[in-house]
Amino acid sequence: MNEKNSEYLDKILALVLWMKDNDGEDDVAIFPGTLVQENTSLVLKCHDENHPEIREEWLSGITKVPDDLKETLFGCSFQLSLTVRDREVESDPLVAFGLR
């Protein structure tokens, strides 16, 4: 993690996952957690047992949560919005959420 991105460490982050449901409609899931460094990896420590790795290349997508979205995003300071496609690879960090 470079110095620029270190501002997100130990901050509350909303991981916002966008996907299509079986009818092709947009669906969204929000996972709040704390972005922490564990050894050489960054992980999102959630309230449950799922602690997915947050890849270095995703960090540029982290943005500050606007005040009007804070309640929707569980009071998080930052958000990372990702589009989820079919999950097939077991080594994918988002598999920790049970996404397939």
N, C-alpha and C. Protein backbone atom coordinates (compact mmCIF):
# COMPACT_ATOMS: atom_id res chain seq x y z
N MET A 1 0.85 -1.18 0.00
CA MET A 1 0.00 0.00 0.00
C MET A 1 0.89 1.23 0.00
N ASN A 2 0.62 2.14 -0.91
CA ASN A 2 1.43 3.35 -0.94
C ASN A 2 0.90 4.37 0.07
N GLU A 3 1.68 5.41 0.30
CA GLU A 3 1.33 6.42 1.31
C GLU A 3 0.00 7.08 1.02
N LYS A 4 -0.30 7.34 -0.25
CA LYS A 4 -1.56 7.99 -0.62
C LYS A 4 -2.74 7.17 -0.14
N ASN A 5 -2.67 5.86 -0.29
CA ASN A 5 -3.79 5.00 0.09
C ASN A 5 -3.81 4.66 1.57
N SER A 6 -2.76 5.00 2.31
CA SER A 6 -2.73 4.67 3.72
C SER A 6 -3.78 5.45 4.52
N GLU A 7 -4.34 6.50 3.92
CA GLU A 7 -5.39 7.25 4.60
C GLU A 7 -6.64 6.40 4.85
N TYR A 8 -6.79 5.29 4.15
CA TYR A 8 -7.96 4.44 4.31
C TYR A 8 -7.78 3.38 5.40
N LEU A 9 -6.54 3.15 5.81
CA LEU A 9 -6.28 2.13 6.82
C LEU A 9 -6.98 2.46 8.13
N ASP A 10 -7.57 1.44 8.73
CA ASP A 10 -8.26 1.55 10.02
C ASP A 10 -9.46 2.49 9.96
N LYS A 11 -10.00 2.70 8.76
CA LYS A 11 -11.20 3.51 8.58
C LYS A 11 -12.37 2.58 8.25
N ILE A 12 -13.57 3.06 8.57
CA ILE A 12 -14.79 2.31 8.26
C ILE A 12 -15.08 2.48 6.77
N LEU A 13 -15.19 1.35 6.08
CA LEU A 13 -15.36 1.33 4.63
C LEU A 13 -16.60 0.52 4.29
N ALA A 14 -17.40 1.02 3.35
CA ALA A 14 -18.54 0.26 2.83
C ALA A 14 -18.11 -0.38 1.52
N LEU A 15 -18.10 -1.70 1.48
CA LEU A 15 -17.86 -2.42 0.23
C LEU A 15 -19.23 -2.57 -0.43
N VAL A 16 -19.42 -1.91 -1.56
CA VAL A 16 -20.70 -1.90 -2.26
C VAL A 16 -20.55 -2.78 -3.50
N LEU A 17 -21.28 -3.89 -3.49
CA LEU A 17 -21.18 -4.86 -4.59
C LEU A 17 -22.43 -4.80 -5.45
N TRP A 18 -22.25 -4.47 -6.70
CA TRP A 18 -23.33 -4.39 -7.68
C TRP A 18 -23.34 -5.66 -8.51
N MET A 19 -24.53 -6.18 -8.77
CA MET A 19 -24.66 -7.38 -9.59
C MET A 19 -26.02 -7.37 -10.28
N LYS A 20 -26.23 -8.30 -11.17
CA LYS A 20 -27.52 -8.47 -11.84
C LYS A 20 -28.21 -9.68 -11.23
N ASP A 21 -29.52 -9.56 -10.95
CA ASP A 21 -30.26 -10.71 -10.45
C ASP A 21 -30.68 -11.59 -11.62
N ASN A 22 -31.43 -12.64 -11.36
CA ASN A 22 -31.83 -13.58 -12.41
C ASN A 22 -32.69 -12.94 -13.49
N ASP A 23 -33.34 -11.82 -13.18
CA ASP A 23 -34.17 -11.12 -14.15
C ASP A 23 -33.42 -10.01 -14.87
N GLY A 24 -32.13 -9.89 -14.60
CA GLY A 24 -31.32 -8.86 -15.24
C GLY A 24 -31.43 -7.50 -14.59
N GLU A 25 -32.09 -7.43 -13.44
CA GLU A 25 -32.24 -6.17 -12.71
C GLU A 25 -31.02 -5.94 -11.82
N ASP A 26 -30.70 -4.67 -11.59
CA ASP A 26 -29.60 -4.34 -10.69
C ASP A 26 -29.94 -4.75 -9.27
N ASP A 27 -28.96 -5.30 -8.59
CA ASP A 27 -29.07 -5.67 -7.18
C ASP A 27 -27.79 -5.17 -6.52
N VAL A 28 -27.89 -4.81 -5.27
CA VAL A 28 -26.72 -4.28 -4.56
C VAL A 28 -26.66 -4.88 -3.17
N ALA A 29 -25.44 -5.14 -2.73
CA ALA A 29 -25.21 -5.61 -1.35
C ALA A 29 -24.13 -4.72 -0.76
N ILE A 30 -24.33 -4.34 0.51
CA ILE A 30 -23.39 -3.44 1.18
C ILE A 30 -22.81 -4.15 2.38
N PHE A 31 -21.48 -4.17 2.46
CA PHE A 31 -20.77 -4.82 3.55
C PHE A 31 -19.88 -3.79 4.24
N PRO A 32 -20.28 -3.29 5.40
CA PRO A 32 -19.43 -2.34 6.12
C PRO A 32 -18.36 -3.08 6.92
N GLY A 33 -17.21 -2.48 7.02
CA GLY A 33 -16.13 -3.07 7.81
C GLY A 33 -14.98 -2.09 7.93
N THR A 34 -13.95 -2.53 8.60
CA THR A 34 -12.76 -1.71 8.80
C THR A 34 -11.64 -2.25 7.92
N LEU A 35 -11.03 -1.37 7.15
CA LEU A 35 -9.93 -1.76 6.28
C LEU A 35 -8.65 -1.84 7.11
N VAL A 36 -8.08 -3.03 7.21
CA VAL A 36 -6.88 -3.24 8.02
C VAL A 36 -5.82 -3.97 7.21
N GLN A 37 -4.59 -3.84 7.65
CA GLN A 37 -3.49 -4.56 7.03
C GLN A 37 -3.18 -5.78 7.88
N GLU A 38 -3.15 -6.94 7.25
CA GLU A 38 -2.75 -8.18 7.90
C GLU A 38 -1.59 -8.76 7.11
N ASN A 39 -0.44 -8.75 7.71
CA ASN A 39 0.79 -9.15 7.02
C ASN A 39 0.96 -8.27 5.79
N THR A 40 0.97 -8.85 4.61
CA THR A 40 1.14 -8.06 3.39
C THR A 40 -0.18 -7.80 2.67
N SER A 41 -1.30 -8.21 3.26
CA SER A 41 -2.60 -8.06 2.61
C SER A 41 -3.45 -7.02 3.31
N LEU A 42 -4.35 -6.42 2.55
CA LEU A 42 -5.39 -5.55 3.10
C LEU A 42 -6.67 -6.36 3.16
N VAL A 43 -7.35 -6.33 4.29
CA VAL A 43 -8.61 -7.06 4.42
C VAL A 43 -9.67 -6.14 5.00
N LEU A 44 -10.91 -6.46 4.71
CA LEU A 44 -12.04 -5.74 5.26
C LEU A 44 -12.58 -6.55 6.42
N LYS A 45 -12.35 -6.08 7.63
CA LYS A 45 -12.83 -6.77 8.83
C LYS A 45 -14.29 -6.41 9.02
N CYS A 46 -15.14 -7.39 8.77
CA CYS A 46 -16.58 -7.20 8.90
C CYS A 46 -17.03 -7.74 10.26
N HIS A 47 -18.28 -7.49 10.58
CA HIS A 47 -18.81 -7.95 11.87
C HIS A 47 -19.01 -9.46 11.91
N ASP A 48 -19.11 -10.08 10.75
CA ASP A 48 -19.24 -11.54 10.74
C ASP A 48 -17.87 -12.16 10.48
N GLU A 49 -17.84 -13.38 10.03
CA GLU A 49 -16.57 -14.07 9.85
C GLU A 49 -15.94 -13.83 8.49
N ASN A 50 -16.63 -13.14 7.60
CA ASN A 50 -16.10 -12.88 6.27
C ASN A 50 -15.14 -11.70 6.30
N HIS A 51 -13.90 -11.94 5.93
CA HIS A 51 -12.90 -10.89 5.90
C HIS A 51 -12.17 -10.96 4.56
N PRO A 52 -12.80 -10.44 3.49
CA PRO A 52 -12.19 -10.56 2.17
C PRO A 52 -10.97 -9.67 2.02
N GLU A 53 -10.08 -10.13 1.18
CA GLU A 53 -8.92 -9.32 0.82
C GLU A 53 -9.37 -8.21 -0.11
N ILE A 54 -8.84 -7.03 0.09
CA ILE A 54 -9.09 -5.90 -0.80
C ILE A 54 -7.82 -5.72 -1.63
N ARG A 55 -7.95 -5.94 -2.91
CA ARG A 55 -6.78 -5.90 -3.79
C ARG A 55 -6.24 -4.49 -3.96
N GLU A 56 -4.94 -4.40 -4.09
CA GLU A 56 -4.25 -3.11 -4.26
C GLU A 56 -4.82 -2.34 -5.44
N GLU A 57 -5.14 -3.03 -6.54
CA GLU A 57 -5.63 -2.34 -7.73
C GLU A 57 -7.04 -1.77 -7.55
N TRP A 58 -7.74 -2.18 -6.51
CA TRP A 58 -9.07 -1.64 -6.23
C TRP A 58 -9.01 -0.34 -5.44
N LEU A 59 -7.90 -0.06 -4.78
CA LEU A 59 -7.81 1.07 -3.86
C LEU A 59 -8.08 2.41 -4.53
N SER A 60 -7.76 2.54 -5.81
CA SER A 60 -8.01 3.80 -6.51
C SER A 60 -9.50 4.08 -6.64
N GLY A 61 -10.34 3.06 -6.44
CA GLY A 61 -11.80 3.23 -6.52
C GLY A 61 -12.44 3.65 -5.20
N ILE A 62 -11.66 3.77 -4.14
CA ILE A 62 -12.22 4.18 -2.85
C ILE A 62 -12.49 5.69 -2.89
N THR A 63 -13.70 6.04 -2.48
CA THR A 63 -14.09 7.45 -2.43
C THR A 63 -14.72 7.77 -1.08
N LYS A 64 -14.74 9.04 -0.77
CA LYS A 64 -15.38 9.52 0.45
C LYS A 64 -16.89 9.39 0.28
N VAL A 65 -17.59 8.98 1.32
CA VAL A 65 -19.04 8.85 1.26
C VAL A 65 -19.66 10.24 1.42
N PRO A 66 -20.50 10.66 0.46
CA PRO A 66 -21.18 11.95 0.60
C PRO A 66 -22.13 11.92 1.80
N ASP A 67 -22.33 13.07 2.40
CA ASP A 67 -23.18 13.15 3.59
C ASP A 67 -24.57 12.56 3.37
N ASP A 68 -25.15 12.76 2.18
CA ASP A 68 -26.51 12.28 1.93
C ASP A 68 -26.59 10.76 1.78
N LEU A 69 -25.46 10.07 1.68
CA LEU A 69 -25.45 8.60 1.59
C LEU A 69 -24.96 7.92 2.87
N LYS A 70 -24.51 8.69 3.84
CA LYS A 70 -23.93 8.11 5.06
C LYS A 70 -24.89 7.14 5.74
N GLU A 71 -26.16 7.50 5.88
CA GLU A 71 -27.12 6.62 6.54
C GLU A 71 -27.30 5.32 5.75
N THR A 72 -27.43 5.43 4.43
CA THR A 72 -27.59 4.26 3.57
C THR A 72 -26.39 3.33 3.66
N LEU A 73 -25.20 3.92 3.79
CA LEU A 73 -23.96 3.14 3.84
C LEU A 73 -23.48 2.94 5.28
N PHE A 74 -24.42 2.85 6.21
CA PHE A 74 -24.16 2.46 7.60
C PHE A 74 -23.16 3.37 8.30
N GLY A 75 -23.14 4.65 7.94
CA GLY A 75 -22.27 5.61 8.60
C GLY A 75 -20.80 5.50 8.22
N CYS A 76 -20.51 4.76 7.16
CA CYS A 76 -19.11 4.59 6.74
C CYS A 76 -18.53 5.90 6.21
N SER A 77 -17.23 6.07 6.40
CA SER A 77 -16.53 7.25 5.93
C SER A 77 -16.15 7.15 4.45
N PHE A 78 -15.83 5.93 4.02
CA PHE A 78 -15.38 5.68 2.65
C PHE A 78 -16.19 4.54 2.04
N GLN A 79 -16.19 4.50 0.70
CA GLN A 79 -16.87 3.41 -0.01
C GLN A 79 -16.00 2.89 -1.14
N LEU A 80 -16.18 1.61 -1.43
CA LEU A 80 -15.55 0.98 -2.58
C LEU A 80 -16.65 0.25 -3.32
N SER A 81 -16.96 0.71 -4.50
CA SER A 81 -18.03 0.15 -5.30
C SER A 81 -17.44 -0.75 -6.38
N LEU A 82 -17.88 -2.01 -6.40
CA LEU A 82 -17.38 -2.98 -7.38
C LEU A 82 -18.55 -3.66 -8.08
N THR A 83 -18.37 -3.99 -9.33
CA THR A 83 -19.34 -4.77 -10.07
C THR A 83 -18.94 -6.24 -10.00
N VAL A 84 -19.90 -7.07 -9.63
CA VAL A 84 -19.64 -8.51 -9.46
C VAL A 84 -20.19 -9.24 -10.68
N ARG A 85 -19.35 -10.04 -11.26
CA ARG A 85 -19.78 -10.91 -12.36
C ARG A 85 -19.79 -12.33 -11.83
N ASP A 86 -20.03 -13.30 -12.68
CA ASP A 86 -20.03 -14.69 -12.22
C ASP A 86 -18.71 -15.00 -11.54
N ARG A 87 -18.79 -15.54 -10.33
CA ARG A 87 -17.59 -15.89 -9.56
C ARG A 87 -17.32 -17.38 -9.77
N GLU A 88 -16.21 -17.70 -10.35
CA GLU A 88 -15.87 -19.09 -10.60
C GLU A 88 -14.56 -19.48 -9.94
N VAL A 89 -13.69 -18.54 -9.70
CA VAL A 89 -12.34 -18.82 -9.24
C VAL A 89 -12.31 -18.81 -7.72
N GLU A 90 -11.94 -19.93 -7.11
CA GLU A 90 -11.94 -20.05 -5.65
C GLU A 90 -10.95 -19.11 -4.98
N SER A 91 -9.93 -18.66 -5.70
CA SER A 91 -8.94 -17.77 -5.09
C SER A 91 -9.38 -16.31 -5.11
N ASP A 92 -10.51 -16.02 -5.72
CA ASP A 92 -11.00 -14.64 -5.78
C ASP A 92 -11.32 -14.15 -4.38
N PRO A 93 -10.88 -12.92 -4.01
CA PRO A 93 -11.11 -12.42 -2.67
C PRO A 93 -12.58 -12.31 -2.28
N LEU A 94 -13.47 -12.13 -3.26
CA LEU A 94 -14.88 -11.97 -2.94
C LEU A 94 -15.59 -13.29 -2.68
N VAL A 95 -14.91 -14.41 -2.89
CA VAL A 95 -15.51 -15.70 -2.59
C VAL A 95 -15.80 -15.81 -1.09
N ALA A 96 -15.10 -15.03 -0.27
CA ALA A 96 -15.35 -15.04 1.18
C ALA A 96 -16.79 -14.66 1.49
N PHE A 97 -17.45 -13.96 0.60
CA PHE A 97 -18.85 -13.59 0.79
C PHE A 97 -19.79 -14.65 0.26
N GLY A 98 -19.27 -15.74 -0.27
CA GLY A 98 -20.11 -16.78 -0.83
C GLY A 98 -20.62 -16.45 -2.21
N LEU A 99 -19.99 -15.49 -2.88
CA LEU A 99 -20.44 -15.11 -4.22
C LEU A 99 -19.95 -16.11 -5.25
N ARG A 100 -20.81 -16.45 -6.15
CA ARG A 100 -20.47 -17.39 -7.22
C ARG A 100 -20.90 -16.81 -8.55
